[in-house]
Protein backbone atom coordinates (compact mmCIF):
# COMPACT_ATOMS: atom_id res chain seq x y z
CA MET A 1 -109.73 -7.11 107.66
CA ILE A 2 -107.59 -10.56 107.69
CA SER A 3 -108.94 -12.54 111.05
CA SER A 4 -110.65 -16.08 111.77
CA ASP A 5 -109.04 -18.73 114.00
CA ALA A 6 -107.64 -20.02 110.37
CA THR A 7 -105.15 -17.05 110.02
CA ALA A 8 -104.54 -15.67 113.46
CA LYS A 9 -100.67 -16.83 112.64
CA MET A 10 -100.38 -16.87 109.08
CA PRO A 11 -96.96 -15.56 108.42
CA ILE A 12 -98.18 -11.86 105.97
CA SER A 13 -96.52 -9.00 105.17
CA ALA A 14 -97.34 -6.30 103.99
CA ASP A 15 -96.21 -2.91 100.73
CA VAL A 16 -97.73 0.46 102.12
CA LYS A 17 -97.38 3.33 99.92
CA LEU A 18 -98.79 7.07 100.90
CA TYR A 19 -99.49 9.95 98.46
CA ALA A 20 -99.79 13.56 98.52
CA GLY A 21 -101.80 16.40 96.69
CA SER A 22 -101.50 20.14 96.66
CA ASP A 23 -105.03 20.66 97.13
CA PRO A 24 -108.03 18.47 98.01
CA LEU A 25 -109.28 18.02 94.11
CA SER A 26 -105.33 17.75 92.91
CA LYS A 27 -104.39 14.48 92.26
CA LYS A 28 -102.51 12.93 94.79
CA THR A 29 -99.36 11.87 93.01
CA LYS A 30 -96.63 12.61 94.92
CA LEU A 31 -95.15 9.77 96.83
CA VAL A 32 -94.29 10.75 100.25
CA TYR A 33 -93.98 7.41 102.24
CA SER A 34 -92.99 3.66 101.25
CA GLY A 35 -92.37 0.85 103.40
CA HIS A 36 -92.63 -3.24 103.50
CA PHE A 37 -93.91 -4.43 106.65
CA ASP A 38 -93.49 -8.50 107.55
CA THR A 39 -95.65 -10.49 110.07
CA ASN A 40 -93.03 -9.24 113.11
CA GLN A 41 -94.01 -5.39 112.50
CA ILE A 42 -97.97 -5.77 112.15
CA VAL A 43 -99.26 -5.19 115.55
CA TYR A 44 -101.74 -7.32 116.30
CA ASN A 45 -105.12 -6.31 118.17
CA PHE A 46 -108.36 -7.27 116.65
CA SER A 47 -107.36 -7.35 113.62
CA PRO A 48 -103.33 -6.38 111.79
CA LYS A 49 -102.86 -2.95 112.00
CA ILE A 50 -99.48 -1.04 110.73
CA ARG A 51 -98.17 2.10 112.25
CA ILE A 52 -96.08 4.36 110.55
CA PRO A 53 -93.98 7.13 112.71
CA GLU A 54 -95.34 10.47 111.86
CA GLU A 55 -91.49 11.87 111.26
CA GLN A 56 -91.33 8.99 108.64
CA ILE A 57 -94.10 10.41 106.07
CA GLN A 58 -92.12 13.33 103.72
CA VAL A 59 -94.77 16.26 103.45
CA ASP A 60 -94.46 19.44 103.40
CA PRO A 61 -97.09 21.22 105.25
CA ASN A 62 -96.64 24.39 103.08
CA SER A 63 -97.32 22.84 99.92
CA ASP A 64 -98.68 19.47 100.56
CA TYR A 65 -102.66 18.89 101.53
CA ASP A 66 -103.18 17.41 104.96
CA ILE A 67 -105.07 14.47 103.35
CA GLY A 68 -103.62 11.85 101.43
CA LEU A 69 -104.45 8.57 99.35
CA ALA A 70 -102.74 5.18 100.63
CA THR A 71 -102.44 1.95 98.87
CA VAL A 72 -101.88 -0.89 100.69
CA THR A 73 -100.92 -4.62 99.12
CA ILE A 74 -101.31 -7.73 101.28
CA HIS A 75 -99.19 -10.81 100.73
CA THR A 76 -100.31 -13.86 102.20
CA PRO A 77 -98.52 -17.39 101.66
CA GLU A 78 -101.60 -19.61 100.82
CA GLN A 79 -104.33 -16.84 99.49
CA GLY A 80 -101.62 -14.64 97.68
CA ASP A 81 -101.65 -10.86 97.21
CA PHE A 82 -104.78 -8.70 97.65
CA SER A 83 -104.83 -4.89 97.63
CA ALA A 84 -106.81 -1.74 98.55
CA THR A 85 -106.48 2.12 98.52
CA ASP A 86 -107.71 4.36 100.34
CA SER A 87 -108.80 7.91 99.61
CA PHE A 88 -108.95 9.78 102.65
CA VAL A 89 -106.05 9.12 104.93
CA VAL A 90 -104.59 12.05 107.33
CA LEU A 91 -100.60 12.51 106.54
CA TYR A 92 -100.42 14.43 108.81
CA GLU A 93 -102.35 17.46 111.88
CA LYS A 94 -103.05 20.87 110.99
């Protein structure tokens, strides 16, 4: 979470990648979404949020498992870059 009085108006950007696999145990290696978001595209409520329209995620429900992996890299002008990975991301609704 990026949230404090000092960083509330800091320009940040983010790179997001979503990956799918063929079943729950397979490696999530198929890139199904890649995008860059600048400050104007990041929604601020209690903390920064990125919204990706489901039609932009290129999954095939016939071959891709509905749970995938996300990597997010945040770029900040003062603190530099940092990233995180989440291995339990819903790619589409069954």
